[in-house]
């Protein structure tokens, strides 16, 4: 297809007539790597910490193609954790943590996401927790603003529950720890 001499002029006129672009989201991103956060094709760096079996499952998805299915195997609590010592790269300052969860209906399951801020040597500087209400078969999103203390260079995450019996299931998806401003 041959363009006439007017096409460059028309393109320039159209582009000059456009309003400035507006970015409607924060320029910062999730500190967790994409696979650990979204669980689309695997478990990322999530590991079964205690009393659970875990899998990346399409039936556990809130968004996308898969989520983290946590199946309780022992009574008296459960937990999953990121297994990438000393954690993901982070910096001091304001952050927002959030996650989606649902559980076995009719049970007293609560999911708590603990965010651990660490220094360069891996020493824990502060741990902050956000907890779900009692989970049901419906998805619920938890969100909380957190502050990484001075000296923070790493972050790790755990999701645990104090209650649970063999056969209980907790689904987790879209786990986020996001810096609220560029470092």
Protein backbone atom coordinates (compact mmCIF):
# COMPACT_ATOMS: atom_id res chain seq x y z
CA UNK A 1 0.00 0.00 0.00
CA UNK A 2 1.41 3.37 -1.00
CA UNK A 3 0.92 6.36 1.27
CA UNK A 4 0.30 9.78 -0.15
CA UNK A 5 2.33 12.84 0.94
CA UNK A 6 -0.60 14.02 3.07
CA UNK A 7 -0.47 11.02 5.50
CA UNK A 8 2.47 12.35 7.53
CA UNK A 9 0.79 15.76 7.82
CA UNK A 10 -2.53 14.18 8.89
CA UNK A 11 -0.77 12.02 11.46
CA UNK A 12 1.05 15.07 12.90
CA UNK A 13 -2.21 17.04 13.09
CA UNK A 14 -4.03 14.19 14.82
CA UNK A 15 -1.25 13.66 17.36
CA UNK A 16 -1.05 17.37 18.17
CA UNK A 17 -4.78 17.47 18.79
CA UNK A 18 -4.65 14.77 21.48
CA UNK A 19 -4.86 15.62 25.17
CA UNK A 20 -1.89 14.74 27.38
CA UNK A 21 -1.76 11.10 28.48
CA UNK A 22 -2.90 10.41 32.04
CA UNK A 23 -1.49 7.41 33.87
CA UNK A 24 -4.12 6.10 36.27
CA UNK A 25 -1.91 3.76 38.28
CA UNK A 26 1.17 3.95 40.43
CA UNK A 27 4.47 3.62 38.59
CA UNK A 28 5.67 1.16 41.26
CA UNK A 29 5.07 -2.56 41.06
CA UNK A 30 4.76 -5.66 43.18
CA UNK A 31 7.94 -6.54 45.08
CA UNK A 32 7.03 -10.23 44.78
CA UNK A 33 7.99 -11.73 41.43
CA UNK A 34 5.15 -12.23 38.94
CA UNK A 35 4.81 -16.00 39.41
CA UNK A 36 4.79 -15.83 43.24
CA UNK A 37 2.17 -13.05 43.14
CA UNK A 38 -0.14 -14.36 40.41
CA UNK A 39 0.44 -18.15 40.52
CA UNK A 40 -0.55 -18.41 36.86
CA UNK A 41 1.73 -21.27 35.81
CA UNK A 42 3.20 -22.52 39.07
CA UNK A 43 3.71 -21.89 42.78
CA UNK A 44 6.45 -19.29 42.38
CA UNK A 45 8.61 -19.45 45.52
CA UNK A 46 5.73 -20.48 47.82
CA UNK A 47 6.48 -23.52 49.95
CA UNK A 48 4.40 -25.63 52.31
CA UNK A 49 5.66 -24.42 55.68
CA UNK A 50 3.60 -26.54 58.08
CA UNK A 51 0.53 -28.79 58.08
CA UNK A 52 -0.37 -28.23 54.41
CA UNK A 53 -0.02 -29.50 50.88
CA UNK A 54 0.04 -26.76 48.24
CA UNK A 55 -0.52 -26.59 44.51
CA UNK A 56 -1.14 -24.12 41.73
CA UNK A 57 -4.74 -24.87 40.76
CA UNK A 58 -7.15 -23.46 38.17
CA UNK A 59 -10.01 -23.95 40.64
CA UNK A 60 -8.16 -21.70 43.12
CA UNK A 61 -8.06 -18.68 40.78
CA UNK A 62 -9.63 -15.35 41.70
CA UNK A 63 -7.99 -13.67 38.71
CA UNK A 64 -6.30 -15.26 35.73
CA UNK A 65 -5.82 -18.99 35.23
CA UNK A 66 -4.67 -20.30 38.64
CA UNK A 67 -4.25 -19.56 42.33
CA UNK A 68 -2.54 -21.19 45.31
CA UNK A 69 -4.58 -24.09 46.74
CA UNK A 70 -3.64 -24.73 50.39
CA UNK A 71 -4.96 -28.06 51.69
CA UNK A 72 -4.70 -28.50 55.47
CA UNK A 73 -3.18 -31.88 56.40
CA UNK A 74 -2.83 -31.60 60.19
CA UNK A 75 -4.94 -30.02 62.94
CA UNK A 76 -4.06 -26.90 64.97
CA UNK A 77 -2.93 -24.42 62.33
CA UNK A 78 -1.31 -24.19 58.93
CA UNK A 79 1.16 -22.07 56.96
CA UNK A 80 2.83 -21.29 53.66
CA UNK A 81 5.88 -19.07 53.18
CA UNK A 82 8.06 -17.63 50.45
CA UNK A 83 11.22 -19.72 50.14
CA UNK A 84 13.83 -17.34 48.71
CA UNK A 85 15.97 -16.38 51.70
CA UNK A 86 16.49 -13.55 52.62
CA UNK A 87 13.52 -12.42 50.52
CA UNK A 88 12.65 -10.07 47.70
CA UNK A 89 14.43 -6.73 47.19
CA UNK A 90 12.72 -3.92 49.13
CA UNK A 91 13.45 -0.43 50.42
CA UNK A 92 12.38 1.61 53.46
CA UNK A 93 9.17 3.60 53.27
CA UNK A 94 5.46 3.31 52.65
CA UNK A 95 4.06 0.12 51.13
CA UNK A 96 0.71 -1.52 50.59
CA UNK A 97 0.14 -5.25 51.08
CA UNK A 98 -2.93 -7.11 49.87
CA UNK A 99 -4.18 -10.57 49.01
CA UNK A 100 -7.36 -12.43 48.08
CA UNK A 101 -8.52 -15.50 50.05
CA UNK A 102 -11.43 -17.86 50.44
CA UNK A 103 -11.85 -20.94 52.58
CA UNK A 104 -13.97 -23.95 53.35
CA UNK A 105 -17.50 -22.72 54.06
CA UNK A 106 -18.78 -23.39 57.56
CA UNK A 107 -15.32 -23.50 59.15
CA UNK A 108 -13.57 -20.88 61.33
CA UNK A 109 -10.63 -20.29 58.99
CA UNK A 110 -8.78 -16.98 59.04
CA UNK A 111 -5.76 -16.21 56.82
CA UNK A 112 -3.03 -13.90 58.11
CA UNK A 113 -0.41 -12.47 55.76
CA UNK A 114 2.76 -11.56 57.65
CA UNK A 115 5.20 -9.25 55.88
CA UNK A 116 8.74 -9.38 57.31
CA UNK A 117 11.09 -6.50 56.61
CA UNK A 118 14.78 -7.52 56.73
CA UNK A 119 18.17 -5.80 56.51
CA UNK A 120 20.97 -6.79 54.08
CA UNK A 121 22.13 -9.62 56.38
CA UNK A 122 18.61 -11.08 56.62
CA UNK A 123 17.97 -9.90 60.19
CA UNK A 124 14.27 -9.21 60.76
CA UNK A 125 13.65 -5.51 61.43
CA UNK A 126 9.85 -5.59 61.71
CA UNK A 127 6.95 -7.90 60.97
CA UNK A 128 3.48 -6.59 60.12
CA UNK A 129 0.31 -8.65 59.72
CA UNK A 130 -2.95 -8.23 57.86
CA UNK A 131 -5.73 -10.69 58.64
CA UNK A 132 -8.87 -11.79 56.88
CA UNK A 133 -12.27 -12.08 58.45
CA UNK A 134 -13.53 -15.65 58.90
CA UNK A 135 -13.33 -17.07 55.40
CA UNK A 136 -16.26 -18.52 53.51
CA UNK A 137 -16.64 -19.94 50.04
CA UNK A 138 -16.65 -16.34 48.72
CA UNK A 139 -13.49 -14.40 47.85
CA UNK A 140 -12.49 -11.56 50.16
CA UNK A 141 -9.65 -9.07 49.68
CA UNK A 142 -7.46 -7.85 52.52
CA UNK A 143 -5.37 -4.70 52.20
CA UNK A 144 -3.22 -2.69 54.59
CA UNK A 145 -0.67 0.10 54.35
CA UNK A 146 2.67 -0.81 55.94
CA UNK A 147 5.95 1.01 56.62
CA UNK A 148 9.28 -0.67 55.98
CA UNK A 149 11.73 0.66 58.59
CA UNK A 150 15.07 2.32 57.90
CA UNK A 151 17.64 -0.26 56.83
CA UNK A 152 15.14 -2.44 54.95
CA UNK A 153 16.65 -4.20 51.96
CA UNK A 154 14.54 -7.38 51.77
CA UNK A 155 10.98 -8.55 52.36
CA UNK A 156 9.55 -12.03 52.90
CA UNK A 157 5.95 -13.17 53.25
CA UNK A 158 4.07 -15.87 55.16
CA UNK A 159 0.37 -16.73 55.11
CA UNK A 160 -0.82 -18.70 58.14
CA UNK A 161 -3.91 -19.69 60.07
CA UNK A 162 -4.32 -20.71 63.71
CA UNK A 163 -7.32 -22.94 62.96
CA UNK A 164 -7.73 -25.77 60.54
CA UNK A 165 -8.46 -29.47 60.28
CA UNK A 166 -7.40 -32.04 57.71
CA UNK A 167 -9.51 -31.54 54.60
CA UNK A 168 -9.94 -27.77 55.00
CA UNK A 169 -8.98 -25.78 51.91
CA UNK A 170 -7.80 -22.18 51.61
CA UNK A 171 -7.36 -20.55 48.20
CA UNK A 172 -4.99 -17.57 47.85
CA UNK A 173 -4.49 -15.33 44.82
CA UNK A 174 -3.01 -11.97 43.76
CA UNK A 175 -0.60 -11.50 46.66
CA UNK A 176 0.95 -8.02 46.60
CA UNK A 177 3.58 -6.06 48.50
CA UNK A 178 3.91 -2.76 46.66
CA UNK A 179 6.06 0.30 47.30
CA UNK A 180 3.87 3.41 47.33
CA UNK A 181 6.63 5.68 46.07
CA UNK A 182 9.71 5.16 43.95
CA UNK A 183 12.90 4.70 46.01
